Each structure stands twice: as C-alpha cells, then as structure tokens.
Amino acid sequence: MPRRFDLIVFDWDGTLFDSTGLIVQCIQNACADLALPVPDDQRAAYVIGLGLHDALQHVVPGLPEERYPELGRRYRHHYMASQHALVLFDGTVPMLQALKARNHFVAVATGKSRAGLDESLTHASLHGLFDATRTADETASKPHPRMLKELMAVFGVPPARTLMIGDTTHDLMLAANAGTASLGVSYGAHEPESFAAHGPLAVLHSTRELHHWLLEHA
C-alpha cells in the first residue's frame, strides 16, 4: 500500500508513556506542598501536554509570577521520585518498529522538557527509534504550531504528508494549527468526547488499535 504519511509525530505522556496518573498526582502534591488549592483530577489532567509553566499557570491561575518556578520545582521533585515505575503502553515498541520498517520518519512532540524527555527515552530504552524530537522548553508550547512545523522542516515533509497523534485536545489543536492530519487516542489525559471539534481522522482506544490503523491507513 502506498504511504499516505511520510512523517508520523507522537505525543509522549498519555500517548506512548503511561504517565497520566502520576503527572496528575505530582501536580496535586506540588500544590499541597505550597498550601495552594489542590486541583481535582480532571483539572490537573487537562494541562498534560502543555509546557510546565503554561500548565501550572492554568492549574493555579493568579499565582504571583515569581512563585511558579517554586511550584515547578516541587512538581519535578515528586515526578523524579516516582518516574522509575512508569512504563510504555503495551505494544508501543512493535508499533514504532513497524513504522520504521516501512520507512516513515517517526518523531515526538511533547510538553516535557528536553531533560525530562531524554531521561524518559533512556528509561524506556527508546533512543534510536525516533528520527527527531521537540520539547516545550526548546520551542513554543502546544497548541502553537511551531513545534510541529520545526519537525516537518527537519525532513522537508509538507503538512499534507504529516500525521500528529495524541491523547489531548492540545495535540489535536497543534495539528490543526500546523495544517496536518491528526489521530486521537482515548486512553490518556482527555476525554475523547472533546476530540471531535478538532477533526481527527479517527479516535483509537488502545495501542493495538492504533497500530492496526497505522498499518492500514498511514
């Protein structure tokens, strides 16, 4: 079957890496550490995929600007203490290997920091499987299109030949803003009922379903 997409870009947290629950808990613990209002699970999960500063501004609006770095440090403290227990979703590695075998360019666009993504890639033994990655601290945070446009520029791939895959509306809005197609996955941070407004080609409910869709349609 002819390739429809040359470049396939994945979000990280909640799409490839089963980290949604931990991120929510770490946001809540960081707020509690500083005696700030603790967001409920839904509010904390909503910001997953954004850069850390943007995420914390949404979770605790109106906090004096000079206090956000302190809140970020408390978040990172809790995350670093527990991230060793995180795993890839089942089937992630075979899916990525199959895409590479079909000569797709495979990339990551994430709200994580560069240091955070590199540590996660090492933990998951995925260095070498991705052709390029972009993080929120080295470019614009989602849903600004810059992150995805930079990845397309690396390979000289136009929007019509690029597919963005993610578990949040931030990912789907990133794709729409960059003029690319998108897929949603329902097993991450955002409720899939919110995806339709952003026009994904499909919403998949497991890594297995995602793998099959990519083999048949990508």
N, C-alpha and C. Protein backbone atom coordinates (compact mmCIF):
# COMPACT_ATOMS: atom_id res chain seq x y z
N MET A 1 0.85 -1.20 0.00
CA MET A 1 0.00 0.00 0.00
C MET A 1 0.89 1.25 0.00
N PRO A 2 0.63 2.21 -0.87
CA PRO A 2 1.44 3.44 -0.88
C PRO A 2 1.34 4.17 0.46
N ARG A 3 2.44 4.80 0.84
CA ARG A 3 2.45 5.57 2.08
C ARG A 3 1.62 6.83 1.92
N ARG A 4 0.73 7.07 2.88
CA ARG A 4 -0.06 8.31 2.88
C ARG A 4 0.68 9.41 3.62
N PHE A 5 1.41 9.03 4.70
CA PHE A 5 2.13 10.00 5.52
C PHE A 5 3.61 9.62 5.58
N ASP A 6 4.46 10.59 5.32
CA ASP A 6 5.90 10.36 5.43
C ASP A 6 6.41 10.57 6.85
N LEU A 7 5.80 11.51 7.56
CA LEU A 7 6.22 11.84 8.92
C LEU A 7 5.07 11.56 9.88
N ILE A 8 5.35 10.76 10.91
CA ILE A 8 4.36 10.46 11.95
C ILE A 8 4.92 10.94 13.27
N VAL A 9 4.19 11.85 13.90
CA VAL A 9 4.64 12.51 15.12
C VAL A 9 3.75 12.10 16.28
N PHE A 10 4.37 11.64 17.35
CA PHE A 10 3.65 11.20 18.54
C PHE A 10 3.84 12.19 19.68
N ASP A 11 2.76 12.45 20.40
CA ASP A 11 2.88 13.00 21.74
C ASP A 11 3.53 11.92 22.62
N TRP A 12 4.02 12.32 23.79
CA TRP A 12 4.69 11.35 24.67
C TRP A 12 3.78 10.90 25.82
N ASP A 13 3.57 11.79 26.81
CA ASP A 13 2.81 11.41 28.00
C ASP A 13 1.36 11.12 27.66
N GLY A 14 0.88 9.93 28.03
CA GLY A 14 -0.50 9.56 27.79
C GLY A 14 -0.77 9.01 26.41
N THR A 15 0.22 9.06 25.53
CA THR A 15 0.08 8.51 24.18
C THR A 15 0.99 7.29 24.00
N LEU A 16 2.26 7.45 24.33
CA LEU A 16 3.21 6.33 24.30
C LEU A 16 3.58 5.86 25.70
N PHE A 17 3.59 6.80 26.64
CA PHE A 17 4.08 6.54 28.00
C PHE A 17 2.91 6.64 28.97
N ASP A 18 2.73 5.61 29.80
CA ASP A 18 1.58 5.53 30.71
C ASP A 18 1.84 6.35 31.96
N SER A 19 1.79 7.67 31.81
CA SER A 19 2.23 8.57 32.87
C SER A 19 1.15 9.53 33.35
N THR A 20 -0.06 9.45 32.80
CA THR A 20 -1.09 10.43 33.14
C THR A 20 -1.38 10.47 34.62
N GLY A 21 -1.60 9.30 35.24
CA GLY A 21 -1.94 9.26 36.65
C GLY A 21 -0.86 9.87 37.53
N LEU A 22 0.41 9.58 37.21
CA LEU A 22 1.50 10.12 38.01
C LEU A 22 1.59 11.63 37.86
N ILE A 23 1.43 12.14 36.65
CA ILE A 23 1.51 13.59 36.45
C ILE A 23 0.42 14.30 37.24
N VAL A 24 -0.79 13.78 37.20
CA VAL A 24 -1.88 14.36 37.97
C VAL A 24 -1.52 14.39 39.46
N GLN A 25 -1.05 13.28 39.98
CA GLN A 25 -0.71 13.20 41.40
C GLN A 25 0.42 14.17 41.76
N CYS A 26 1.41 14.30 40.88
CA CYS A 26 2.53 15.19 41.17
C CYS A 26 2.11 16.66 41.15
N ILE A 27 1.22 17.03 40.24
CA ILE A 27 0.68 18.39 40.24
C ILE A 27 -0.05 18.65 41.55
N GLN A 28 -0.88 17.72 41.96
CA GLN A 28 -1.64 17.88 43.20
C GLN A 28 -0.72 17.95 44.42
N ASN A 29 0.29 17.12 44.46
CA ASN A 29 1.23 17.12 45.59
C ASN A 29 2.03 18.42 45.64
N ALA A 30 2.42 18.94 44.47
CA ALA A 30 3.17 20.19 44.44
C ALA A 30 2.34 21.34 44.98
N CYS A 31 1.06 21.38 44.61
CA CYS A 31 0.18 22.43 45.13
C CYS A 31 0.01 22.29 46.64
N ALA A 32 -0.17 21.06 47.10
CA ALA A 32 -0.32 20.84 48.55
C ALA A 32 0.93 21.26 49.29
N ASP A 33 2.11 21.02 48.73
CA ASP A 33 3.37 21.40 49.38
C ASP A 33 3.42 22.89 49.67
N LEU A 34 2.85 23.69 48.77
CA LEU A 34 2.91 25.15 48.90
C LEU A 34 1.62 25.73 49.45
N ALA A 35 0.77 24.86 50.02
CA ALA A 35 -0.50 25.29 50.62
C ALA A 35 -1.37 26.05 49.62
N LEU A 36 -1.36 25.60 48.36
CA LEU A 36 -2.19 26.18 47.32
C LEU A 36 -3.42 25.30 47.12
N PRO A 37 -4.47 25.82 46.51
CA PRO A 37 -5.64 24.98 46.22
C PRO A 37 -5.22 23.77 45.38
N VAL A 38 -5.65 22.60 45.79
CA VAL A 38 -5.28 21.37 45.08
C VAL A 38 -6.32 21.10 44.00
N PRO A 39 -5.91 21.04 42.74
CA PRO A 39 -6.88 20.81 41.66
C PRO A 39 -7.43 19.39 41.70
N ASP A 40 -8.65 19.22 41.23
CA ASP A 40 -9.17 17.85 41.13
C ASP A 40 -8.50 17.14 39.96
N ASP A 41 -8.78 15.85 39.83
CA ASP A 41 -8.10 15.05 38.81
C ASP A 41 -8.33 15.60 37.40
N GLN A 42 -9.57 16.01 37.12
CA GLN A 42 -9.89 16.47 35.77
C GLN A 42 -9.13 17.73 35.42
N ARG A 43 -9.06 18.67 36.35
CA ARG A 43 -8.36 19.93 36.09
C ARG A 43 -6.86 19.69 35.92
N ALA A 44 -6.31 18.82 36.76
CA ALA A 44 -4.88 18.53 36.66
C ALA A 44 -4.56 17.79 35.37
N ALA A 45 -5.44 16.88 34.97
CA ALA A 45 -5.18 16.12 33.74
C ALA A 45 -5.30 16.99 32.50
N TYR A 46 -6.14 18.01 32.56
CA TYR A 46 -6.36 18.85 31.38
C TYR A 46 -5.06 19.48 30.89
N VAL A 47 -4.13 19.82 31.77
CA VAL A 47 -2.94 20.56 31.38
C VAL A 47 -1.83 19.67 30.86
N ILE A 48 -2.01 18.35 30.92
CA ILE A 48 -0.97 17.45 30.42
C ILE A 48 -0.79 17.68 28.92
N GLY A 49 0.45 17.82 28.53
CA GLY A 49 0.77 18.12 27.13
C GLY A 49 1.25 19.54 26.93
N LEU A 50 0.88 20.44 27.85
CA LEU A 50 1.38 21.80 27.80
C LEU A 50 2.79 21.85 28.40
N GLY A 51 3.54 22.89 28.07
CA GLY A 51 4.79 23.13 28.77
C GLY A 51 4.52 23.35 30.25
N LEU A 52 5.49 23.05 31.11
CA LEU A 52 5.25 23.06 32.55
C LEU A 52 4.77 24.43 33.03
N HIS A 53 5.38 25.50 32.59
CA HIS A 53 4.97 26.83 33.07
C HIS A 53 3.53 27.13 32.67
N ASP A 54 3.19 26.86 31.41
CA ASP A 54 1.81 27.08 30.95
C ASP A 54 0.83 26.21 31.74
N ALA A 55 1.24 24.97 32.00
CA ALA A 55 0.37 24.05 32.74
C ALA A 55 0.10 24.56 34.15
N LEU A 56 1.13 25.01 34.83
CA LEU A 56 0.96 25.48 36.20
C LEU A 56 0.16 26.77 36.25
N GLN A 57 0.32 27.62 35.27
CA GLN A 57 -0.49 28.85 35.22
C GLN A 57 -1.97 28.52 35.08
N HIS A 58 -2.28 27.47 34.34
CA HIS A 58 -3.68 27.08 34.18
C HIS A 58 -4.22 26.43 35.46
N VAL A 59 -3.40 25.61 36.09
CA VAL A 59 -3.85 24.90 37.29
C VAL A 59 -4.03 25.86 38.47
N VAL A 60 -3.11 26.82 38.61
CA VAL A 60 -3.18 27.78 39.71
C VAL A 60 -3.14 29.19 39.12
N PRO A 61 -4.24 29.64 38.53
CA PRO A 61 -4.24 30.98 37.93
C PRO A 61 -4.13 32.06 38.99
N GLY A 62 -3.44 33.12 38.64
CA GLY A 62 -3.34 34.25 39.55
C GLY A 62 -2.23 34.16 40.57
N LEU A 63 -1.47 33.08 40.58
CA LEU A 63 -0.33 32.98 41.49
C LEU A 63 0.71 34.02 41.06
N PRO A 64 1.34 34.72 42.02
CA PRO A 64 2.39 35.67 41.62
C PRO A 64 3.43 34.99 40.75
N GLU A 65 3.84 35.67 39.71
CA GLU A 65 4.72 35.06 38.71
C GLU A 65 5.98 34.47 39.32
N GLU A 66 6.51 35.11 40.36
CA GLU A 66 7.76 34.63 40.95
C GLU A 66 7.60 33.32 41.70
N ARG A 67 6.35 32.89 41.93
CA ARG A 67 6.14 31.64 42.66
C ARG A 67 6.01 30.42 41.75
N TYR A 68 5.80 30.63 40.46
CA TYR A 68 5.65 29.48 39.56
C TYR A 68 6.93 28.63 39.48
N PRO A 69 8.12 29.22 39.47
CA PRO A 69 9.32 28.35 39.48
C PRO A 69 9.38 27.45 40.71
N GLU A 70 8.98 27.97 41.86
CA GLU A 70 8.96 27.16 43.07
C GLU A 70 7.97 26.00 42.94
N LEU A 71 6.79 26.29 42.39
CA LEU A 71 5.80 25.24 42.18
C LEU A 71 6.33 24.21 41.18
N GLY A 72 7.01 24.67 40.15
CA GLY A 72 7.60 23.76 39.18
C GLY A 72 8.65 22.86 39.80
N ARG A 73 9.44 23.40 40.71
CA ARG A 73 10.46 22.58 41.39
C ARG A 73 9.81 21.50 42.24
N ARG A 74 8.73 21.83 42.91
CA ARG A 74 8.03 20.83 43.72
C ARG A 74 7.42 19.74 42.83
N TYR A 75 6.88 20.14 41.68
CA TYR A 75 6.36 19.15 40.75
C TYR A 75 7.47 18.20 40.30
N ARG A 76 8.60 18.77 39.88
CA ARG A 76 9.70 17.93 39.40
C ARG A 76 10.23 17.01 40.49
N HIS A 77 10.25 17.51 41.73
CA HIS A 77 10.69 16.68 42.86
C HIS A 77 9.83 15.42 42.97
N HIS A 78 8.52 15.59 42.94
CA HIS A 78 7.63 14.44 43.08
C HIS A 78 7.72 13.52 41.86
N TYR A 79 7.81 14.12 40.67
CA TYR A 79 7.86 13.30 39.45
C TYR A 79 9.14 12.47 39.41
N MET A 80 10.27 13.09 39.71
CA MET A 80 11.54 12.38 39.66
C MET A 80 11.59 11.24 40.68
N ALA A 81 10.90 11.40 41.79
CA ALA A 81 10.92 10.38 42.82
C ALA A 81 10.16 9.12 42.42
N SER A 82 9.26 9.25 41.44
CA SER A 82 8.39 8.10 41.11
C SER A 82 8.46 7.66 39.66
N GLN A 83 9.15 8.40 38.80
CA GLN A 83 9.08 8.10 37.37
C GLN A 83 9.67 6.74 37.01
N HIS A 84 10.51 6.18 37.88
CA HIS A 84 11.11 4.87 37.57
C HIS A 84 10.05 3.78 37.43
N ALA A 85 8.87 4.00 38.02
CA ALA A 85 7.81 2.98 37.98
C ALA A 85 6.97 3.06 36.70
N LEU A 86 7.18 4.08 35.86
CA LEU A 86 6.37 4.26 34.67
C LEU A 86 6.80 3.31 33.56
N VAL A 87 5.85 2.97 32.69
CA VAL A 87 6.14 2.05 31.58
C VAL A 87 5.48 2.57 30.31
N LEU A 88 5.96 2.08 29.19
CA LEU A 88 5.30 2.31 27.91
C LEU A 88 3.99 1.55 27.87
N PHE A 89 3.01 2.06 27.12
CA PHE A 89 1.81 1.28 26.89
C PHE A 89 2.19 0.01 26.13
N ASP A 90 1.51 -1.07 26.44
CA ASP A 90 1.77 -2.35 25.77
C ASP A 90 1.66 -2.19 24.26
N GLY A 91 2.63 -2.73 23.56
CA GLY A 91 2.61 -2.70 22.11
C GLY A 91 3.29 -1.50 21.48
N THR A 92 3.81 -0.58 22.29
CA THR A 92 4.41 0.63 21.74
C THR A 92 5.64 0.33 20.91
N VAL A 93 6.54 -0.48 21.41
CA VAL A 93 7.79 -0.73 20.69
C VAL A 93 7.54 -1.44 19.36
N PRO A 94 6.74 -2.52 19.31
CA PRO A 94 6.46 -3.12 17.99
C PRO A 94 5.81 -2.16 17.01
N MET A 95 4.95 -1.28 17.50
CA MET A 95 4.31 -0.30 16.62
C MET A 95 5.35 0.63 16.01
N LEU A 96 6.24 1.14 16.84
CA LEU A 96 7.27 2.06 16.34
C LEU A 96 8.22 1.34 15.38
N GLN A 97 8.58 0.12 15.71
CA GLN A 97 9.47 -0.65 14.84
C GLN A 97 8.82 -0.91 13.49
N ALA A 98 7.52 -1.18 13.48
CA ALA A 98 6.81 -1.42 12.22
C ALA A 98 6.80 -0.16 11.35
N LEU A 99 6.62 1.00 11.97
CA LEU A 99 6.65 2.25 11.20
C LEU A 99 8.02 2.51 10.61
N LYS A 100 9.05 2.26 11.40
CA LYS A 100 10.42 2.45 10.91
C LYS A 100 10.70 1.49 9.75
N ALA A 101 10.19 0.25 9.86
CA ALA A 101 10.42 -0.73 8.81
C ALA A 101 9.76 -0.32 7.50
N ARG A 102 8.71 0.50 7.59
CA ARG A 102 8.02 0.99 6.38
C ARG A 102 8.58 2.34 5.93
N ASN A 103 9.69 2.74 6.55
CA ASN A 103 10.43 3.95 6.16
C ASN A 103 9.68 5.24 6.41
N HIS A 104 8.78 5.25 7.41
CA HIS A 104 8.24 6.51 7.89
C HIS A 104 9.31 7.21 8.73
N PHE A 105 9.33 8.53 8.69
CA PHE A 105 10.02 9.29 9.71
C PHE A 105 9.13 9.28 10.96
N VAL A 106 9.73 9.03 12.12
CA VAL A 106 8.97 8.93 13.36
C VAL A 106 9.55 9.94 14.35
N ALA A 107 8.69 10.76 14.94
CA ALA A 107 9.16 11.85 15.80
C ALA A 107 8.26 11.98 17.02
N VAL A 108 8.72 12.80 17.97
CA VAL A 108 7.98 13.11 19.20
C VAL A 108 7.84 14.62 19.32
N ALA A 109 6.64 15.07 19.67
CA ALA A 109 6.37 16.47 20.03
C ALA A 109 5.71 16.45 21.40
N THR A 110 6.37 16.99 22.40
CA THR A 110 5.91 16.83 23.77
C THR A 110 5.99 18.11 24.59
N GLY A 111 5.15 18.19 25.59
CA GLY A 111 5.21 19.29 26.54
C GLY A 111 6.28 19.10 27.59
N LYS A 112 6.97 17.96 27.60
CA LYS A 112 8.04 17.74 28.55
C LYS A 112 9.22 18.67 28.26
N SER A 113 10.13 18.78 29.21
CA SER A 113 11.39 19.48 28.97
C SER A 113 12.34 18.55 28.23
N ARG A 114 13.40 19.13 27.67
CA ARG A 114 14.40 18.30 26.99
C ARG A 114 15.03 17.30 27.96
N ALA A 115 15.39 17.77 29.15
CA ALA A 115 15.99 16.85 30.12
C ALA A 115 15.00 15.75 30.50
N GLY A 116 13.73 16.11 30.67
CA GLY A 116 12.73 15.13 31.05
C GLY A 116 12.48 14.10 29.97
N LEU A 117 12.41 14.54 28.71
CA LEU A 117 12.20 13.58 27.63
C LEU A 117 13.40 12.67 27.46
N ASP A 118 14.61 13.24 27.51
CA ASP A 118 15.80 12.41 27.34
C ASP A 118 15.89 11.35 28.43
N GLU A 119 15.53 11.71 29.64
CA GLU A 119 15.55 10.74 30.72
C GLU A 119 14.50 9.65 30.50
N SER A 120 13.32 10.04 30.03
CA SER A 120 12.27 9.06 29.75
C SER A 120 12.66 8.13 28.61
N LEU A 121 13.30 8.67 27.58
CA LEU A 121 13.74 7.83 26.47
C LEU A 121 14.79 6.82 26.92
N THR A 122 15.66 7.25 27.80
CA THR A 122 16.67 6.34 28.34
C THR A 122 16.00 5.27 29.19
N HIS A 123 15.08 5.69 30.04
CA HIS A 123 14.37 4.75 30.91
C HIS A 123 13.61 3.71 30.08
N ALA A 124 13.02 4.13 28.97
CA ALA A 124 12.23 3.23 28.14
C ALA A 124 13.05 2.53 27.06
N SER A 125 14.36 2.80 27.02
CA SER A 125 15.26 2.19 26.02
C SER A 125 14.79 2.47 24.60
N LEU A 126 14.40 3.71 24.34
CA LEU A 126 13.88 4.08 23.02
C LEU A 126 14.82 4.99 22.23
N HIS A 127 15.98 5.29 22.76
CA HIS A 127 16.91 6.10 21.98
C HIS A 127 17.23 5.36 20.68
N GLY A 128 17.18 6.08 19.58
CA GLY A 128 17.46 5.48 18.28
C GLY A 128 16.22 5.14 17.48
N LEU A 129 15.05 5.05 18.14
CA LEU A 129 13.82 4.74 17.41
C LEU A 129 13.19 5.98 16.81
N PHE A 130 13.50 7.16 17.36
CA PHE A 130 12.91 8.39 16.86
C PHE A 130 13.92 9.15 16.01
N ASP A 131 13.44 9.68 14.90
CA ASP A 131 14.31 10.43 14.00
C ASP A 131 14.51 11.86 14.45
N ALA A 132 13.58 12.40 15.22
CA ALA A 132 13.70 13.75 15.76
C ALA A 132 12.71 13.91 16.90
N THR A 133 13.00 14.83 17.81
CA THR A 133 12.09 15.14 18.92
C THR A 133 12.10 16.64 19.17
N ARG A 134 10.98 17.14 19.69
CA ARG A 134 10.89 18.53 20.11
C ARG A 134 10.20 18.59 21.47
N THR A 135 10.71 19.47 22.34
CA THR A 135 10.16 19.64 23.68
C THR A 135 9.74 21.09 23.89
N ALA A 136 8.90 21.29 24.91
CA ALA A 136 8.29 22.62 25.09
C ALA A 136 9.27 23.67 25.52
N ASP A 137 10.41 23.27 26.13
CA ASP A 137 11.36 24.28 26.59
C ASP A 137 12.35 24.71 25.51
N GLU A 138 12.29 24.09 24.33
CA GLU A 138 13.20 24.49 23.26
C GLU A 138 12.45 25.08 22.06
N THR A 139 11.14 25.17 22.16
CA THR A 139 10.32 25.76 21.11
C THR A 139 9.02 26.25 21.77
N ALA A 140 8.02 26.60 20.98
CA ALA A 140 6.76 27.06 21.56
C ALA A 140 5.94 25.88 22.07
N SER A 141 5.23 26.09 23.16
CA SER A 141 4.39 25.05 23.74
C SER A 141 3.14 24.83 22.89
N LYS A 142 2.60 23.63 22.94
CA LYS A 142 1.32 23.33 22.29
C LYS A 142 0.25 24.26 22.86
N PRO A 143 -0.75 24.66 22.06
CA PRO A 143 -1.04 24.23 20.68
C PRO A 143 -0.43 25.11 19.59
N HIS A 144 0.54 25.95 19.95
CA HIS A 144 1.22 26.75 18.92
C HIS A 144 1.83 25.79 17.90
N PRO A 145 1.75 26.09 16.60
CA PRO A 145 2.20 25.14 15.59
C PRO A 145 3.71 25.03 15.42
N ARG A 146 4.48 25.87 16.10
CA ARG A 146 5.92 25.92 15.83
C ARG A 146 6.60 24.57 16.02
N MET A 147 6.23 23.85 17.08
CA MET A 147 6.86 22.57 17.38
C MET A 147 6.72 21.60 16.20
N LEU A 148 5.53 21.50 15.67
CA LEU A 148 5.28 20.58 14.57
C LEU A 148 5.89 21.10 13.27
N LYS A 149 5.85 22.40 13.05
CA LYS A 149 6.46 22.96 11.85
C LYS A 149 7.96 22.75 11.83
N GLU A 150 8.60 22.83 12.99
CA GLU A 150 10.03 22.57 13.05
C GLU A 150 10.35 21.13 12.68
N LEU A 151 9.55 20.20 13.16
CA LEU A 151 9.78 18.79 12.81
C LEU A 151 9.58 18.55 11.32
N MET A 152 8.55 19.15 10.73
CA MET A 152 8.35 19.00 9.29
C MET A 152 9.53 19.57 8.51
N ALA A 153 10.08 20.68 9.00
CA ALA A 153 11.20 21.31 8.30
C ALA A 153 12.45 20.44 8.35
N VAL A 154 12.64 19.70 9.43
CA VAL A 154 13.81 18.83 9.55
C VAL A 154 13.88 17.84 8.38
N PHE A 155 12.72 17.31 8.00
CA PHE A 155 12.68 16.27 6.97
C PHE A 155 12.17 16.76 5.62
N GLY A 156 11.81 18.03 5.54
CA GLY A 156 11.27 18.55 4.29
C GLY A 156 9.94 17.93 3.92
N VAL A 157 9.12 17.62 4.93
CA VAL A 157 7.83 16.98 4.71
C VAL A 157 6.72 18.03 4.83
N PRO A 158 5.82 18.13 3.86
CA PRO A 158 4.75 19.13 3.94
C PRO A 158 3.64 18.69 4.89
N PRO A 159 2.78 19.61 5.31
CA PRO A 159 1.68 19.26 6.21
C PRO A 159 0.80 18.13 5.69
N ALA A 160 0.56 18.09 4.39
CA ALA A 160 -0.33 17.07 3.83
C ALA A 160 0.22 15.66 3.99
N ARG A 161 1.53 15.53 4.26
CA ARG A 161 2.17 14.22 4.40
C ARG A 161 2.59 13.96 5.85
N THR A 162 1.99 14.71 6.78
CA THR A 162 2.36 14.61 8.20
C THR A 162 1.13 14.24 9.02
N LEU A 163 1.32 13.36 10.01
CA LEU A 163 0.26 12.91 10.90
C LEU A 163 0.70 13.12 12.34
N MET A 164 -0.14 13.80 13.13
CA MET A 164 0.11 14.02 14.56
C MET A 164 -0.82 13.13 15.37
N ILE A 165 -0.27 12.45 16.39
CA ILE A 165 -1.05 11.52 17.22
C ILE A 165 -0.93 11.93 18.67
N GLY A 166 -2.08 12.07 19.37
CA GLY A 166 -2.01 12.46 20.76
C GLY A 166 -3.28 12.14 21.53
N ASP A 167 -3.18 12.33 22.84
CA ASP A 167 -4.27 11.97 23.75
C ASP A 167 -5.01 13.18 24.29
N THR A 168 -4.65 14.39 23.83
CA THR A 168 -5.29 15.59 24.36
C THR A 168 -5.75 16.51 23.24
N THR A 169 -6.65 17.42 23.59
CA THR A 169 -7.07 18.44 22.63
C THR A 169 -5.90 19.35 22.27
N HIS A 170 -4.91 19.50 23.17
CA HIS A 170 -3.74 20.31 22.84
C HIS A 170 -3.01 19.72 21.63
N ASP A 171 -2.91 18.39 21.57
CA ASP A 171 -2.25 17.73 20.44
C ASP A 171 -3.03 17.93 19.15
N LEU A 172 -4.35 17.78 19.23
CA LEU A 172 -5.17 17.91 18.04
C LEU A 172 -5.23 19.35 17.55
N MET A 173 -5.22 20.30 18.48
CA MET A 173 -5.16 21.71 18.09
C MET A 173 -3.81 22.06 17.49
N LEU A 174 -2.74 21.47 18.01
CA LEU A 174 -1.41 21.65 17.42
C LEU A 174 -1.44 21.22 15.95
N ALA A 175 -2.01 20.05 15.68
CA ALA A 175 -2.09 19.55 14.32
C ALA A 175 -2.91 20.50 13.44
N ALA A 176 -4.07 20.90 13.93
CA ALA A 176 -4.93 21.80 13.15
C ALA A 176 -4.22 23.12 12.86
N ASN A 177 -3.51 23.65 13.84
CA ASN A 177 -2.81 24.92 13.66
C ASN A 177 -1.66 24.81 12.67
N ALA A 178 -1.08 23.61 12.58
CA ALA A 178 0.03 23.39 11.66
C ALA A 178 -0.43 22.88 10.30
N GLY A 179 -1.73 22.61 10.16
CA GLY A 179 -2.28 22.18 8.89
C GLY A 179 -2.08 20.71 8.59
N THR A 180 -1.87 19.88 9.63
CA THR A 180 -1.65 18.46 9.41
C THR A 180 -2.87 17.65 9.84
N ALA A 181 -2.90 16.40 9.42
CA ALA A 181 -3.90 15.45 9.91
C ALA A 181 -3.56 15.03 11.33
N SER A 182 -4.56 14.46 12.03
CA SER A 182 -4.33 14.02 13.40
C SER A 182 -5.12 12.76 13.70
N LEU A 183 -4.67 12.05 14.71
CA LEU A 183 -5.38 10.94 15.33
C LEU A 183 -5.46 11.19 16.82
N GLY A 184 -6.59 10.82 17.44
CA GLY A 184 -6.71 10.89 18.88
C GLY A 184 -6.66 9.49 19.48
N VAL A 185 -6.12 9.40 20.69
CA VAL A 185 -6.20 8.14 21.45
C VAL A 185 -6.96 8.43 22.74
N SER A 186 -7.82 7.50 23.11
CA SER A 186 -8.78 7.75 24.20
C SER A 186 -8.28 7.31 25.57
N TYR A 187 -7.08 6.73 25.65
CA TYR A 187 -6.62 6.11 26.89
C TYR A 187 -5.67 7.01 27.68
N GLY A 188 -5.63 8.32 27.34
CA GLY A 188 -4.72 9.23 28.01
C GLY A 188 -5.42 10.23 28.90
N ALA A 189 -5.06 11.51 28.76
CA ALA A 189 -5.45 12.53 29.73
C ALA A 189 -6.83 13.13 29.50
N HIS A 190 -7.25 13.29 28.24
CA HIS A 190 -8.50 14.00 27.95
C HIS A 190 -9.60 13.04 27.54
N GLU A 191 -10.83 13.43 27.86
CA GLU A 191 -11.97 12.62 27.46
C GLU A 191 -12.14 12.69 25.94
N PRO A 192 -12.29 11.56 25.27
CA PRO A 192 -12.36 11.57 23.80
C PRO A 192 -13.56 12.31 23.24
N GLU A 193 -14.59 12.54 24.06
CA GLU A 193 -15.76 13.29 23.58
C GLU A 193 -15.37 14.71 23.15
N SER A 194 -14.25 15.21 23.66
CA SER A 194 -13.81 16.56 23.33
C SER A 194 -13.01 16.63 22.04
N PHE A 195 -12.74 15.48 21.41
CA PHE A 195 -11.85 15.45 20.25
C PHE A 195 -12.53 15.87 18.95
N ALA A 196 -13.82 15.58 18.82
CA ALA A 196 -14.49 15.72 17.52
C ALA A 196 -14.36 17.13 16.95
N ALA A 197 -14.40 18.13 17.80
CA ALA A 197 -14.35 19.51 17.32
C ALA A 197 -13.05 19.83 16.61
N HIS A 198 -12.04 19.00 16.81
CA HIS A 198 -10.72 19.28 16.24
C HIS A 198 -10.39 18.39 15.04
N GLY A 199 -11.36 17.58 14.61
CA GLY A 199 -11.27 16.90 13.34
C GLY A 199 -10.25 15.79 13.18
N PRO A 200 -10.03 14.94 14.19
CA PRO A 200 -9.10 13.84 13.97
C PRO A 200 -9.64 12.85 12.93
N LEU A 201 -8.75 12.18 12.25
CA LEU A 201 -9.18 11.17 11.28
C LEU A 201 -9.88 10.01 11.96
N ALA A 202 -9.47 9.71 13.19
CA ALA A 202 -10.07 8.62 13.96
C ALA A 202 -9.67 8.80 15.41
N VAL A 203 -10.40 8.12 16.29
CA VAL A 203 -10.03 8.03 17.71
C VAL A 203 -9.86 6.55 18.02
N LEU A 204 -8.68 6.18 18.49
CA LEU A 204 -8.36 4.79 18.76
C LEU A 204 -8.32 4.56 20.26
N HIS A 205 -8.65 3.32 20.67
CA HIS A 205 -8.88 3.05 22.08
C HIS A 205 -7.82 2.16 22.74
N SER A 206 -6.78 1.83 22.01
CA SER A 206 -5.66 1.07 22.57
C SER A 206 -4.49 1.21 21.62
N THR A 207 -3.30 0.90 22.10
CA THR A 207 -2.13 0.91 21.22
C THR A 207 -2.30 -0.11 20.10
N ARG A 208 -2.94 -1.23 20.42
CA ARG A 208 -3.18 -2.25 19.39
C ARG A 208 -4.05 -1.69 18.26
N GLU A 209 -5.12 -0.99 18.61
CA GLU A 209 -5.98 -0.38 17.58
C GLU A 209 -5.20 0.66 16.78
N LEU A 210 -4.39 1.45 17.49
CA LEU A 210 -3.60 2.48 16.83
C LEU A 210 -2.63 1.84 15.84
N HIS A 211 -1.96 0.79 16.25
CA HIS A 211 -1.01 0.08 15.39
C HIS A 211 -1.72 -0.41 14.12
N HIS A 212 -2.87 -1.04 14.29
CA HIS A 212 -3.61 -1.56 13.12
C HIS A 212 -4.05 -0.43 12.20
N TRP A 213 -4.52 0.68 12.76
CA TRP A 213 -4.94 1.81 11.92
C TRP A 213 -3.76 2.31 11.10
N LEU A 214 -2.62 2.46 11.74
CA LEU A 214 -1.44 2.98 11.02
C LEU A 214 -1.01 2.03 9.90
N LEU A 215 -1.06 0.75 10.16
CA LEU A 215 -0.69 -0.22 9.12
C LEU A 215 -1.64 -0.14 7.92
N GLU A 216 -2.91 0.10 8.19
CA GLU A 216 -3.90 0.09 7.12
C GLU A 216 -4.05 1.42 6.41
N HIS A 217 -3.82 2.52 7.12
CA HIS A 217 -4.20 3.83 6.57
C HIS A 217 -3.04 4.85 6.44
N ALA A 218 -1.91 4.59 7.09
CA ALA A 218 -0.85 5.60 7.11
C ALA A 218 0.14 5.43 5.97
